[in-house]
Protein backbone atom coordinates (compact mmCIF):
# COMPACT_ATOMS: atom_id res chain seq x y z
CA UNK A 1 -67.12 35.52 -40.62
CA UNK A 2 -68.35 38.62 -41.83
CA UNK A 3 -70.03 38.66 -45.44
CA UNK A 4 -71.15 41.28 -47.81
CA UNK A 5 -74.40 40.28 -49.55
CA UNK A 6 -75.29 41.59 -52.49
CA UNK A 7 -78.15 40.68 -54.39
CA UNK A 8 -82.19 41.60 -54.79
CA UNK A 9 -84.56 42.40 -51.66
CA UNK A 10 -87.80 43.24 -50.86
CA UNK A 11 -89.83 42.00 -53.16
CA UNK A 12 -87.31 42.33 -55.90
CA UNK A 13 -87.63 41.06 -59.84
CA UNK A 14 -84.30 39.59 -59.03
CA UNK A 15 -83.18 36.94 -56.24
CA UNK A 16 -79.65 36.35 -57.69
CA UNK A 17 -76.78 37.31 -55.48
CA UNK A 18 -72.93 37.45 -54.65
CA UNK A 19 -71.53 36.34 -50.99
CA UNK A 20 -68.17 37.98 -50.36
CA UNK A 21 -66.58 36.80 -47.06
CA UNK A 22 -64.64 39.51 -45.56
CA UNK A 23 -63.39 38.79 -42.02
CA UNK A 24 -63.74 36.60 -38.95
CA UNK A 25 -65.26 39.00 -36.79
CA UNK A 26 -67.06 37.56 -33.65
CA UNK A 27 -71.04 38.29 -34.31
CA UNK A 28 -72.66 40.31 -31.73
CA UNK A 29 -76.10 39.94 -30.26
CA UNK A 30 -79.26 41.90 -32.20
CA UNK A 31 -80.10 45.07 -29.90
CA UNK A 32 -84.16 44.80 -30.51
CA UNK A 33 -84.95 47.67 -28.48
CA UNK A 34 -85.16 50.30 -31.21
CA UNK A 35 -87.28 48.11 -33.45
CA UNK A 36 -90.18 50.42 -34.81
CA UNK A 37 -93.60 48.83 -35.30
CA UNK A 38 -95.37 51.99 -37.81
CA UNK A 39 -94.92 54.48 -40.21
CA UNK A 40 -95.28 57.27 -38.37
CA UNK A 41 -92.47 55.94 -35.62
CA UNK A 42 -90.37 55.04 -38.29
CA UNK A 43 -90.66 58.54 -39.92
CA UNK A 44 -90.59 60.45 -36.41
CA UNK A 45 -87.33 58.35 -35.35
CA UNK A 46 -85.43 58.73 -38.17
CA UNK A 47 -86.49 62.39 -39.43
CA UNK A 48 -86.64 64.10 -36.27
CA UNK A 49 -86.34 67.73 -37.59
CA UNK A 50 -89.75 67.18 -39.65
CA UNK A 51 -91.69 66.73 -36.42
CA UNK A 52 -89.74 68.82 -33.93
CA UNK A 53 -92.00 71.41 -31.49
CA UNK A 54 -89.87 73.88 -32.41
CA UNK A 55 -91.69 73.90 -36.06
CA UNK A 56 -93.92 76.76 -36.63
CA UNK A 57 -96.86 73.88 -37.47
CA UNK A 58 -97.77 71.26 -35.62
CA UNK A 59 -95.66 67.86 -36.71
CA UNK A 60 -97.03 66.44 -39.80
CA UNK A 61 -98.94 63.16 -40.20
CA UNK A 62 -97.75 60.38 -42.87
CA UNK A 63 -100.58 59.86 -45.53
CA UNK A 64 -98.58 57.50 -47.81
CA UNK A 65 -95.32 55.48 -47.61
CA UNK A 66 -93.60 52.88 -49.54
CA UNK A 67 -92.92 51.60 -46.08
CA UNK A 68 -97.10 51.60 -45.07
CA UNK A 69 -99.41 48.38 -44.96
CA UNK A 70 -102.15 48.31 -47.67
CA UNK A 71 -104.53 47.95 -44.73
CA UNK A 72 -104.89 52.20 -43.77
CA UNK A 73 -103.90 50.96 -40.32
CA UNK A 74 -100.75 53.01 -40.79
CA UNK A 75 -98.53 49.61 -39.84
CA UNK A 76 -95.17 48.96 -41.40
CA UNK A 77 -95.48 46.50 -44.63
CA UNK A 78 -93.64 44.26 -42.67
CA UNK A 79 -94.76 44.50 -38.80
CA UNK A 80 -92.28 41.25 -37.61
CA UNK A 81 -90.09 43.69 -35.43
CA UNK A 82 -87.14 43.89 -38.12
CA UNK A 83 -87.83 47.70 -39.23
CA UNK A 84 -85.30 50.07 -37.49
CA UNK A 85 -85.12 53.67 -37.79
CA UNK A 86 -82.11 55.33 -39.69
CA UNK A 87 -81.38 58.62 -41.03
CA UNK A 88 -79.67 57.75 -43.74
CA UNK A 89 -79.57 53.53 -44.09
CA UNK A 90 -77.25 53.32 -46.39
CA UNK A 91 -74.18 54.92 -44.82
CA UNK A 92 -75.28 55.00 -41.19
CA UNK A 93 -76.51 51.67 -41.69
CA UNK A 94 -73.11 50.45 -43.11
CA UNK A 95 -71.03 52.00 -40.02
CA UNK A 96 -73.27 50.51 -37.66
CA UNK A 97 -73.22 47.43 -39.38
CA UNK A 98 -69.51 47.36 -39.12
CA UNK A 99 -69.43 48.21 -35.32
CA UNK A 100 -72.23 45.65 -34.62
CA UNK A 101 -70.69 43.02 -36.56
CA UNK A 102 -73.12 42.33 -38.83
CA UNK A 103 -73.34 41.06 -42.31
CA UNK A 104 -74.38 43.77 -44.84
CA UNK A 105 -77.22 43.23 -47.39
CA UNK A 106 -77.04 46.01 -50.68
CA UNK A 107 -79.21 46.60 -53.26
CA UNK A 108 -77.82 48.79 -55.84
CA UNK A 109 -81.14 50.80 -55.97
CA UNK A 110 -79.70 52.05 -52.28
CA UNK A 111 -76.25 53.20 -53.38
CA UNK A 112 -77.52 55.03 -56.47
CA UNK A 113 -80.24 56.90 -54.20
CA UNK A 114 -77.23 57.70 -51.93
CA UNK A 115 -75.93 59.07 -55.30
CA UNK A 116 -79.19 61.26 -55.80
CA UNK A 117 -78.80 62.14 -52.66
CA UNK A 118 -75.91 63.91 -52.37
CA UNK A 119 -76.54 65.96 -56.00
CA UNK A 120 -79.34 67.36 -54.13
CA UNK A 121 -77.46 68.62 -51.84
CA UNK A 122 -75.30 70.36 -54.73
CA UNK A 123 -78.33 71.28 -56.51
CA UNK A 124 -79.51 73.43 -53.50
CA UNK A 125 -76.49 75.71 -54.06
CA UNK A 126 -75.95 75.66 -57.39
CA UNK A 127 -78.92 75.17 -59.53
CA UNK A 128 -79.02 78.88 -60.66
CA UNK A 129 -75.26 78.10 -62.35
CA UNK A 130 -76.61 74.72 -63.97
CA UNK A 131 -79.97 76.52 -64.58
CA UNK A 132 -79.38 76.55 -68.47
CA UNK A 133 -78.25 72.50 -68.51
CA UNK A 134 -81.78 71.94 -67.86
CA UNK A 135 -84.05 74.76 -68.20
CA UNK A 136 -84.33 78.15 -70.49
CA UNK A 137 -86.64 79.94 -68.25
CA UNK A 138 -86.02 82.50 -65.60
CA UNK A 139 -88.99 81.63 -63.53
CA UNK A 140 -90.25 78.30 -62.21
CA UNK A 141 -92.95 76.66 -64.00
CA UNK A 142 -95.54 74.62 -62.22
CA UNK A 143 -96.40 71.27 -63.05
CA UNK A 144 -99.82 70.20 -62.24
CA UNK A 145 -100.17 66.17 -61.76
CA UNK A 146 -103.47 64.30 -61.62
CA UNK A 147 -104.03 60.52 -61.20
CA UNK A 148 -106.27 57.92 -59.25
CA UNK A 149 -104.10 58.00 -55.84
CA UNK A 150 -101.39 59.88 -54.29
CA UNK A 151 -98.86 57.53 -54.83
CA UNK A 152 -99.39 57.69 -58.99
CA UNK A 153 -99.48 61.18 -58.24
CA UNK A 154 -96.07 61.07 -57.22
CA UNK A 155 -94.85 58.74 -59.46
CA UNK A 156 -96.08 60.23 -62.06
CA UNK A 157 -93.69 63.94 -61.92
CA UNK A 158 -90.71 62.13 -63.50
CA UNK A 159 -92.54 61.99 -66.93
CA UNK A 160 -93.73 65.67 -66.48
CA UNK A 161 -90.17 66.90 -65.78
CA UNK A 162 -88.67 64.94 -68.33
CA UNK A 163 -91.36 66.83 -70.93
CA UNK A 164 -90.24 69.95 -69.69
CA UNK A 165 -86.29 70.16 -69.66
CA UNK A 166 -83.26 69.95 -72.32
CA UNK A 167 -81.56 67.20 -71.08
CA UNK A 168 -83.42 64.10 -72.62
CA UNK A 169 -81.66 61.42 -70.86
CA UNK A 170 -82.37 62.73 -67.20
CA UNK A 171 -85.23 60.56 -65.97
CA UNK A 172 -83.96 57.10 -68.05
CA UNK A 173 -80.33 58.31 -65.78
CA UNK A 174 -82.25 58.92 -62.76
CA UNK A 175 -84.57 56.39 -62.70
CA UNK A 176 -82.74 52.90 -61.16
CA UNK A 177 -83.69 50.01 -64.09
CA UNK A 178 -82.24 47.68 -61.81
CA UNK A 179 -82.96 43.87 -61.71
CA UNK A 180 -83.46 44.41 -57.83
CA UNK A 181 -85.73 47.73 -58.58
CA UNK A 182 -89.00 47.53 -57.67
CA UNK A 183 -92.08 49.93 -58.01
CA UNK A 184 -91.75 52.08 -54.83
CA UNK A 185 -87.95 51.98 -56.07
CA UNK A 186 -88.97 54.30 -58.74
CA UNK A 187 -91.08 56.93 -57.32
CA UNK A 188 -88.35 57.14 -54.56
CA UNK A 189 -85.90 58.38 -57.73
CA UNK A 190 -88.61 60.55 -58.55
CA UNK A 191 -88.89 61.84 -55.52
CA UNK A 192 -85.27 62.67 -55.64
CA UNK A 193 -85.61 63.83 -59.27
CA UNK A 194 -87.76 66.54 -57.86
CA UNK A 195 -85.92 67.50 -55.72
CA UNK A 196 -83.04 67.68 -57.61
CA UNK A 197 -85.06 70.16 -60.06
CA UNK A 198 -87.41 72.02 -57.31
CA UNK A 199 -85.48 75.47 -58.27
CA UNK A 200 -87.07 75.43 -61.67
CA UNK A 201 -90.12 74.20 -61.28
CA UNK A 202 -93.36 74.16 -58.56
CA UNK A 203 -94.67 70.64 -57.89
CA UNK A 204 -98.47 70.77 -57.65
CA UNK A 205 -100.50 67.40 -57.61
CA UNK A 206 -104.09 65.85 -56.95
CA UNK A 207 -106.67 63.09 -57.06
CA UNK A 208 -108.48 63.14 -60.18
CA UNK A 209 -111.98 63.08 -59.03
CA UNK A 210 -113.07 65.12 -61.95
CA UNK A 211 -115.92 64.05 -63.72
CA UNK A 212 -115.43 61.36 -66.60
CA UNK A 213 -117.16 63.18 -68.96
CA UNK A 214 -120.40 65.44 -69.58
CA UNK A 215 -123.34 65.28 -71.48
CA UNK A 216 -124.94 68.18 -72.72
CA UNK A 217 -128.83 67.86 -73.63
CA UNK A 218 -130.96 69.33 -76.04
CA UNK A 219 -128.86 71.28 -78.96
CA UNK A 220 -126.85 73.71 -79.81
CA UNK A 221 -128.86 76.34 -80.50
CA UNK A 222 -130.77 75.88 -77.09
CA UNK A 223 -127.37 76.35 -75.23
CA UNK A 224 -126.82 79.53 -77.70
CA UNK A 225 -129.98 80.45 -76.69
CA UNK A 226 -128.90 80.40 -73.07
CA UNK A 227 -125.80 82.63 -73.72
CA UNK A 228 -128.33 85.18 -75.39
CA UNK A 229 -130.16 85.31 -72.32
CA UNK A 230 -127.58 87.34 -70.53
CA UNK A 231 -128.20 90.19 -72.84
CA UNK A 232 -130.85 91.15 -70.34
CA UNK A 233 -129.31 91.25 -67.08
CA UNK A 234 -127.61 94.50 -67.40
CA UNK A 235 -130.97 96.23 -67.05
CA UNK A 236 -131.40 95.25 -64.06
CA UNK A 237 -128.49 96.67 -62.70
CA UNK A 238 -125.15 97.18 -61.65
CA UNK A 239 -124.58 93.74 -59.94
CA UNK A 240 -126.56 91.63 -62.21
CA UNK A 241 -124.64 93.17 -65.23
CA UNK A 242 -121.19 91.91 -63.33
CA UNK A 243 -122.85 88.79 -63.13
CA UNK A 244 -123.50 88.46 -66.83
CA UNK A 245 -119.81 89.52 -67.34
CA UNK A 246 -118.71 86.56 -64.98
CA UNK A 247 -120.91 84.60 -66.72
CA UNK A 248 -120.08 84.91 -70.22
CA UNK A 249 -116.92 83.35 -70.55
CA UNK A 250 -118.73 79.91 -68.94
CA UNK A 251 -121.79 80.01 -71.08
CA UNK A 252 -119.80 80.68 -74.13
CA UNK A 253 -117.75 77.83 -73.46
CA UNK A 254 -120.99 75.46 -73.11
CA UNK A 255 -121.48 76.72 -76.89
CA UNK A 256 -117.92 75.81 -77.81
CA UNK A 257 -118.47 72.53 -76.61
CA UNK A 258 -120.87 71.50 -79.26
CA UNK A 259 -118.60 73.01 -81.51
CA UNK A 260 -115.08 71.62 -80.40
CA UNK A 261 -116.31 68.85 -78.29
CA UNK A 262 -112.65 66.70 -78.63
CA UNK A 263 -110.44 69.99 -78.31
CA UNK A 264 -107.84 70.23 -75.58
CA UNK A 265 -109.34 73.98 -74.71
CA UNK A 266 -112.99 72.15 -74.08
CA UNK A 267 -111.58 69.37 -71.71
CA UNK A 268 -109.83 72.25 -70.07
CA UNK A 269 -112.45 73.84 -69.54
CA UNK A 270 -114.51 71.34 -68.06
CA UNK A 271 -111.38 70.26 -65.95
CA UNK A 272 -111.55 73.22 -63.71
CA UNK A 273 -115.52 73.08 -63.03
CA UNK A 274 -114.15 72.06 -59.55
CA UNK A 275 -111.54 72.16 -57.01
CA UNK A 276 -110.81 71.67 -53.38
CA UNK A 277 -108.92 73.06 -51.07
CA UNK A 278 -108.61 71.96 -47.46
CA UNK A 279 -108.11 74.70 -44.99
CA UNK A 280 -106.70 75.36 -41.63
CA UNK A 281 -109.70 74.95 -38.97
CA UNK A 282 -111.50 74.29 -35.96
CA UNK A 283 -113.32 71.42 -35.48
CA UNK A 284 -114.29 68.89 -38.56
CA UNK A 285 -117.44 69.54 -40.97
CA UNK A 286 -118.09 70.87 -44.31
CA UNK A 287 -116.36 73.65 -42.78
CA UNK A 288 -112.88 72.19 -43.33
CA UNK A 289 -113.00 72.77 -47.23
CA UNK A 290 -112.86 75.43 -49.70
CA UNK A 291 -114.50 74.75 -52.91
CA UNK A 292 -113.64 76.67 -56.65
CA UNK A 293 -113.28 76.32 -59.95
CA UNK A 294 -115.93 77.91 -62.45
CA UNK A 295 -118.91 76.42 -61.06
CA UNK A 296 -118.61 79.43 -58.05
CA UNK A 297 -119.12 81.80 -60.86
CA UNK A 298 -122.90 80.75 -60.75
CA UNK A 299 -122.72 82.19 -57.01
CA UNK A 300 -122.81 85.59 -57.06
CA UNK A 301 -125.31 86.49 -53.98
CA UNK A 302 -126.54 85.06 -50.98
CA UNK A 303 -129.60 83.91 -49.92
CA UNK A 304 -130.13 87.57 -47.89
CA UNK A 305 -129.09 89.55 -51.59
CA UNK A 306 -126.13 90.70 -50.39
CA UNK A 307 -122.90 90.13 -52.67
CA UNK A 308 -121.15 86.49 -52.26
CA UNK A 309 -117.68 88.66 -52.76
CA UNK A 310 -118.04 92.11 -51.99
CA UNK A 311 -115.66 94.50 -54.30
CA UNK A 312 -112.54 94.41 -53.96
CA UNK A 313 -112.67 91.48 -50.99
CA UNK A 314 -110.99 88.46 -51.61
CA UNK A 315 -110.98 89.49 -55.39
CA UNK A 316 -107.19 89.29 -57.32
CA UNK A 317 -106.41 92.37 -59.21
CA UNK A 318 -105.72 90.83 -62.08
CA UNK A 319 -105.98 87.41 -63.85
CA UNK A 320 -102.09 87.34 -63.59
CA UNK A 321 -102.06 87.38 -60.13
CA UNK A 322 -105.12 85.29 -59.68
CA UNK A 323 -103.66 82.40 -61.56
CA UNK A 324 -100.30 82.44 -59.72
CA UNK A 325 -102.11 82.46 -56.44
CA UNK A 326 -104.36 79.50 -57.66
CA UNK A 327 -107.75 81.23 -58.95
CA UNK A 328 -109.57 79.66 -61.41
CA UNK A 329 -109.09 81.86 -64.73
CA UNK A 330 -111.46 81.53 -67.92
CA UNK A 331 -110.97 84.22 -70.55
CA UNK A 332 -110.32 87.03 -68.03
CA UNK A 333 -112.75 86.24 -65.06
CA UNK A 334 -111.61 85.29 -61.91
CA UNK A 335 -113.61 83.06 -59.82
CA UNK A 336 -113.91 83.08 -56.32
CA UNK A 337 -113.43 80.05 -54.12
CA UNK A 338 -116.43 79.43 -51.28
CA UNK A 339 -116.59 77.28 -48.46
CA UNK A 340 -118.45 74.16 -48.59
CA UNK A 341 -120.21 74.83 -45.14
CA UNK A 342 -121.62 78.16 -47.22
CA UNK A 343 -122.61 77.49 -50.59
CA UNK A 344 -125.82 78.59 -51.26
CA UNK A 345 -129.02 76.74 -52.17
CA UNK A 346 -130.19 76.41 -55.85
CA UNK A 347 -133.56 77.57 -55.42
CA UNK A 348 -136.02 80.15 -54.27
CA UNK A 349 -139.59 80.42 -53.36
CA UNK A 350 -142.50 83.45 -52.95
CA UNK A 351 -145.56 83.38 -50.90
CA UNK A 352 -148.88 82.46 -52.58
CA UNK A 353 -152.75 83.38 -51.20
CA UNK A 354 -154.56 80.28 -52.20
CA UNK A 355 -158.56 81.34 -52.86
CA UNK A 356 -161.13 79.14 -51.99
CA UNK A 357 -158.80 76.39 -51.05
CA UNK A 358 -159.23 73.81 -49.09
CA UNK A 359 -162.70 74.94 -49.74
CA UNK A 360 -164.83 77.68 -51.00
CA UNK A 361 -164.46 80.86 -48.98
CA UNK A 362 -161.72 80.11 -47.37
CA UNK A 363 -157.86 81.52 -48.27
CA UNK A 364 -154.28 79.38 -47.60
CA UNK A 365 -151.15 80.90 -47.48
CA UNK A 366 -148.89 78.81 -49.09
CA UNK A 367 -145.64 79.16 -50.82
CA UNK A 368 -144.40 77.99 -54.17
CA UNK A 369 -140.82 76.90 -54.45
CA UNK A 370 -139.14 76.40 -57.19
CA UNK A 371 -135.29 75.70 -58.36
CA UNK A 372 -132.58 72.73 -59.14
CA UNK A 373 -133.46 70.31 -56.39
CA UNK A 374 -132.51 66.69 -56.58
CA UNK A 375 -129.96 65.02 -58.35
CA UNK A 376 -130.45 61.59 -60.47
CA UNK A 377 -127.50 59.31 -60.21
CA UNK A 378 -128.05 56.18 -62.56
CA UNK A 379 -125.49 53.58 -62.53
CA UNK A 380 -124.36 52.87 -66.13
CA UNK A 381 -125.06 48.79 -66.98
CA UNK A 382 -122.07 46.79 -68.98
CA UNK A 383 -122.81 46.47 -72.57
CA UNK A 384 -124.66 43.35 -72.45
CA UNK A 385 -127.07 44.78 -70.24
CA UNK A 386 -127.22 47.77 -72.27
CA UNK A 387 -128.18 46.34 -75.17
CA UNK A 388 -130.94 44.02 -73.23
CA UNK A 389 -132.52 47.12 -72.14
CA UNK A 390 -132.22 49.10 -75.26
CA UNK A 391 -135.64 48.20 -76.33
CA UNK A 392 -137.11 49.16 -73.42
CA UNK A 393 -135.70 52.68 -73.31
CA UNK A 394 -136.32 53.51 -76.66
CA UNK A 395 -140.20 53.22 -75.53
CA UNK A 396 -139.83 54.91 -73.21
CA UNK A 397 -137.85 57.41 -74.80
CA UNK A 398 -140.33 60.19 -75.60
CA UNK A 399 -141.63 60.07 -72.00
CA UNK A 400 -137.96 60.92 -70.68
CA UNK A 401 -137.01 63.03 -73.56
CA UNK A 402 -137.12 66.59 -71.26
CA UNK A 403 -135.95 65.46 -67.81
CA UNK A 404 -134.34 61.79 -68.63
CA UNK A 405 -130.34 61.14 -69.02
CA UNK A 406 -130.16 60.38 -72.99
CA UNK A 407 -127.39 59.79 -75.50
CA UNK A 408 -124.54 56.69 -76.09
CA UNK A 409 -123.75 55.06 -72.62
CA UNK A 410 -122.15 52.29 -74.09
CA UNK A 411 -118.46 54.16 -73.96
CA UNK A 412 -118.57 55.01 -70.47
CA UNK A 413 -118.93 52.91 -67.58
CA UNK A 414 -119.29 54.32 -63.45
CA UNK A 415 -122.18 56.56 -62.33
CA UNK A 416 -124.35 59.38 -64.19
CA UNK A 417 -125.47 62.15 -62.04
CA UNK A 418 -128.22 64.65 -63.14
CA UNK A 419 -128.89 67.75 -61.67
CA UNK A 420 -132.70 68.11 -61.76
CA UNK A 421 -134.73 70.87 -61.29
CA UNK A 422 -138.53 71.18 -60.11
CA UNK A 423 -141.39 73.19 -57.99
CA UNK A 424 -143.23 72.69 -55.01
CA UNK A 425 -146.31 74.13 -53.60
CA UNK A 426 -147.00 73.72 -49.89
CA UNK A 427 -148.56 75.16 -47.31
CA UNK A 428 -150.24 75.92 -45.22
CA UNK A 429 -148.00 78.47 -43.51
CA UNK A 430 -147.43 81.88 -41.69
CA UNK A 431 -145.80 84.26 -44.00
CA UNK A 432 -144.71 86.69 -41.65
CA UNK A 433 -142.22 83.79 -40.20
CA UNK A 434 -138.43 83.78 -41.72
CA UNK A 435 -137.39 80.60 -42.30
CA UNK A 436 -133.60 79.52 -42.84
CA UNK A 437 -132.21 81.00 -39.80
CA UNK A 438 -129.66 78.12 -39.13
CA UNK A 439 -128.99 78.30 -42.83
CA UNK A 440 -130.42 77.30 -45.97
CA UNK A 441 -130.29 73.42 -47.46
CA UNK A 442 -129.69 70.79 -46.56
CA UNK A 443 -126.53 70.21 -44.25
CA UNK A 444 -126.61 66.56 -44.26
CA UNK A 445 -126.04 66.78 -48.24
CA UNK A 446 -122.96 69.24 -46.93
CA UNK A 447 -121.91 66.63 -44.80
CA UNK A 448 -122.03 64.11 -47.49
CA UNK A 449 -119.86 65.83 -49.79
CA UNK A 450 -117.66 66.34 -47.04
CA UNK A 451 -117.05 62.41 -46.71
CA UNK A 452 -116.58 62.60 -50.45
CA UNK A 453 -114.19 65.27 -50.58
CA UNK A 454 -112.18 63.49 -47.06
CA UNK A 455 -112.33 59.93 -48.96
CA UNK A 456 -110.06 61.14 -51.72
CA UNK A 457 -107.78 63.63 -49.76
CA UNK A 458 -104.60 62.80 -48.22
CA UNK A 459 -104.99 61.40 -44.61
CA UNK A 460 -108.96 61.35 -44.96
CA UNK A 461 -110.85 62.79 -42.45
CA UNK A 462 -110.65 63.26 -38.70
CA UNK A 463 -113.51 62.78 -36.51
CA UNK A 464 -113.24 64.12 -32.82
CA UNK A 465 -113.31 61.86 -29.70
CA UNK A 466 -111.46 59.26 -31.91
CA UNK A 467 -114.81 57.98 -33.57
CA UNK A 468 -115.02 56.27 -36.90
CA UNK A 469 -118.61 57.70 -37.93
CA UNK A 470 -119.77 60.86 -37.03
CA UNK A 471 -123.18 60.40 -38.70
CA UNK A 472 -125.43 61.25 -36.10
CA UNK A 473 -123.12 63.17 -33.87
CA UNK A 474 -123.93 67.16 -32.67
CA UNK A 475 -120.76 68.53 -33.84
CA UNK A 476 -121.93 68.54 -37.61
CA UNK A 477 -124.62 70.69 -37.12
CA UNK A 478 -125.09 74.00 -38.61
CA UNK A 479 -123.07 76.70 -36.79
CA UNK A 480 -124.65 78.12 -33.53
CA UNK A 481 -127.61 75.47 -33.80
C-alpha cells in the first residue's frame, strides 16, 4: 500500500500528521547510488547550469546553505546517505516517487514554495506592468543590509522589502507560517520574495563588522580647532588644497559628532568609515582586498610623494555617479578605494646629526621618526569587575589623561582599540642608503588584517597547496621579495 504522509518533517515545530492510503502497488528497492554527501555535490547535481563550464566565470563555491552542517566542513547536515539531488523536489520528486512506488511525504512549506517559484517565473515577464502594485519609482532602489552573519543578512531582506512596497500584506503572505515551518523555511521564502521583487530592488548585503562605538577624546573645542587647521593647507600648493577639500567633510562631521551624538546622520557617517571589497586576483594575500570608506580620504599621497589617485584616474566624475558605482561619498567628496596591500604607513622620518654622541668629538647620524604607530587594545570587563577597578583607574587618571582610553565603559562590551602616536630616535644610520625598497611598514600586519577580513567573508580565505595556516609561508611577502 502506497501512502501519502502529510506532516511536519526536518526539525519542524509539529509532529502531527495524517496518512492516507492510496494504492496497493508493490514497493521497489531504493537506488542508493545517486545519494550525495556534501552540500556542493547536492548543488552541482541539482543546479548544473550554475556550475557549467560554458559559463563565463569559474564554477562558484557554495558559501552558505540550509543543507550545510554547522561544522564548516561543507558536509550535509544529514550525512546518512538519505539525500538525493533534485532540481524540483515537489513536482519532480512526486513524479519520481510515483514511478518508484515510494510513499510521499509532504510539508505545506514545500507546496507553497512551488507556488512562489512559479510566481517568480511570472514576474520575470510581467514585472513592469505590475510595478504600480508594489512601488511608485521607475528605477531600482538599493536595499543594503548588514547583519552578524550571512544567513541573517539574507533573512533580513524580507522586512526591508516590506518597508518599501505598497502591498502591506506581502511579507506576511510570503512567509510560510505553518506549524511545520522552520527558520530556514523563512529564509527560503525571503529568497523567493527577493526574486519576485528583483526588478524593483537591488540587494546588497554585508557582514556588520564595523565599530561598535566611537569615542572622541578631549573636548569639542579640540575637534573644532582640528578643523580650523585645514585653513593653512592651500598655502602649500594645489595638491594640499585638494587634500583640504577632501578632509573638510570628514573633520566637519567629527565636530558634528559632539553636537549630535545620537543623530542618524552621525551614525551613518561613522558607519562609512571602512568598507571592504574582494577583487579578482592571482594568488592569495592582502592584495585580494580593496579598502574603501572615508578613511581613505586621509591617504592623499604615496610614500614617495606621488598622488595616490592621479587627477582623472579611478575618480568618478560626479558624486551621483560615484554612489551608483559604490564609492563612499561624504558631502560632495568622493573617496576612492585602495588595495589593502598598498596602504601607506602613518609615519614619517627625518635624518638627524647627533653632535658629540656617544662621546665628545664624535658625531652620529640618526633618524627621528614619528607619527601614528601602535594600537592599544583593551578588553572591557564585565560591570562588576569594572567597579572593582574603578578606584584604581581614578587614581591613575592624571597619568593617562593624554594617552589613555577614557569615558564610561560600563555600557559597552568587547574590545576597545585606540590608535597610538609617538616618535623614535634611532641610529647610527647611513642616511645615504634608501630604505623601503621592498615596501613600507609591517606586511605581517597587512596579513593579519587580511585574515580578519577573511574570517567574516563568505567562503573565508583560500590558501594555496591546501594549507590551513600560511603564517610562515613564503608567498605572504612583499611583491618581488
